[in-house]
Amino acid sequence: MSTKKKFNTGWSFAKQPIGTDLKAVTNDAVAWMPVTLPHDWLIYDSRNLYENGEGWYRKTFELNESESSGRITLYFEGVYMNSAVFVNGCEAGTWKNGYSSFEIDITPYIVTGRNEVYVQAVYESPNSRWYSGAGIYRPVWLKSYPDSHIASDGIYISARQQNESNWLVQIGTEVRFAPAADSSASCLLRHTAIDPSGTVAARQETAIAAAAGELVTFQSDLSVDQPLVWDTEHPYCYKLVTELVHNGATIDREEQPFGFRTFTFDSQTGFYLNGRHMKLNGVCQHHDLGCLGAAVNKTALRRQIKLLQEMGVNAIRTAHNMPAVELMELADEMGVLIVSEAFDMWERQKTPYDYARFFPEWWEKDVASWVRRDRNHPSLLMWSIGNEIYDTHADERGQQLTVMLRDKVLEHDPRGNASVTIGSNYMPWENAQKCADLVAFAGYNYGENYYELHHQQHPDWIIYGSETCSTVQSRGIYHFPLSQSVLADDDEQCSSLGNSSTSWGPKAPKAALSGTGTRHIRWGSFCGPALIISESQLLIIRKTRILASSTPPASRKTPIMFIKRHGRAIKPGRWSIFSRIGIFPKAS
């Protein structure tokens, strides 16, 4: 039977200069400190949040004779970035992307008894356009497999409505057979769908033939009558239990979340969830947790989502990287639609040390990891293959890459559990429009002025605001003259007249969101939530109306905002609007 054990405790950490090798960190002179994963080493020095360096982690663990004789892997949900894994002095594997999950087979390197693992994470700045964090910032698992087993992320579930009461659940299961597997043995796959109350909703067994040493995909169907549908208002989640049975005995078992829901996209009338017309009131959410750093924390994520829902949010775009496992789990549970985004750059770099240097050799592995891990989640709405990708604007190579990425996503999600899209700030120009035509789901970053025209020119496109607003205003502050554009003044406030604005964003939220609530051709938008902080209330503004209000206790004074942009601290003001900030109450 496969096992999966958390591997987050008992680690030690040492920060080292760029260019450090394994031999150097095994020196007794290295100062190690105990840490528990997930861990973001970059957040510990808030005055140097973009510090070059290498994060080295080490851990020892014991394996008995039976454990060391099987197949053992280490599964990393996320290491930022350019990482390498060493087991008992040998390099077991490398992984370049800081956001995709990966699994390293350590079987050839383990021994019975004491084993030692080192993980290297190289952080060279600048490598990102936001705070990324550094290190093993997502959980790690120690996994073991029997000789014949269900492949990792090898279960693919699609639920399709057949009529008013019946749904067909199509299941693809990848099985890796042992080299000595007996083709004459009795083997079967047993699938059991369990509803939210824990009751068996359907069960089916499929006889399969063993193929020695091969990876084989088997198809099965389940029929479920009158299931509870997953919705943003009532997010009912089901569980699929899959068992690999050999000669009557279960030798492997996996569980996968899934749900019953329908998505309908109409370029003329908009988006429908389970037949209900709705607008996407979305936000672009970076992966960090403010002052907590990038180390994933499910409780903090739950709090974030709860606050967003209170202000009217029903969708999150994972700007601009592959999301944490915990975020997807919470989206399923709490009823939030997800636009899962993969890349902020392809072959053309945005910063000197970003992922573009690895893209040509690694993009296929990253897409496979991204799609296979999350394709069964009922909250998943779209796969975004890129954000503001200059390749799509520069030349025809961008169109080739768009096709490559689109087709690779569909290879791992052939039944289209989610639609392929791209978010672009280059939509006014021809090459980007050609790329949008290849996916037909066209995300506009700060392109609200083109919605109407492009809908007329491309009536088949699904047009939405993939990123909007970026407005910066201080409530009650007016800087004159109106004709003078000033983003910062002596009082360190931003004018609410509309003459303080970013170069890419509109003058006010109303300009970015005008019409999105009335025109069906735009099925919503994704904003960085604008926060207005005053002495008495925290008001969260969306679509130019107050959607939520939270009044601090009387004992608190005016909240203080600590803002850091490109490494430079900005002195807090009395009240301000910014798109992404942390809020810290002043001590009473």
Foldseek 3Di string as FASTA:
>chain_A
DKDKAWDFAAKKKFKAAPPDDPVNCVDPVTDIDGDGPPDFPLLPDLLCNQDWIKMKMKGKDADAPVQLVFWKKKKAQFFAAFKWKAKQRHTQDTGGDGHFIDMTTCNVRDDHTMMMMMMMHGGDPPADQDRDTGGSQEIMIMMTAHQKEWDDLFKFWDWADDDPWKIKIKIKTKIFHHQPDDQPWWKKKKKWKAWQVRHTQWIDIDTDGDDHRDIDIDMDMTMGTRHDAAALVRLIKMKMKMFIATNRRTRYIDIDIAGDWDWDQALAFAIDINNHAAFAQAAEDEQAQASVGNRDDLVSLLVVVVVCVLQPGQEYEHPADAYGPSNLVVCSVNRHAYAGHHEAEACDDPTDNYCNVVRVPCVLVRLLSRCSVRVRRLNYAEYADYAAYCLLVPDCVVLVVLVVSQVSNCVNVVVPSYAYEYAHQRVVDDSNVSSCVVRLAYEYALPVVCLVVVCVVPVSHQYEHAEAAQEKAAPPAADDDLVAQDQQDPQRGGHLSLSHGDPRHGSGQLVGCPPCVPGSSYRYHHYLWKWKFAFFWIFTDGNNDTSHIDGDDPQWGGKWWWDARPSRTRGTHRIIIGRDTDIGIDHD
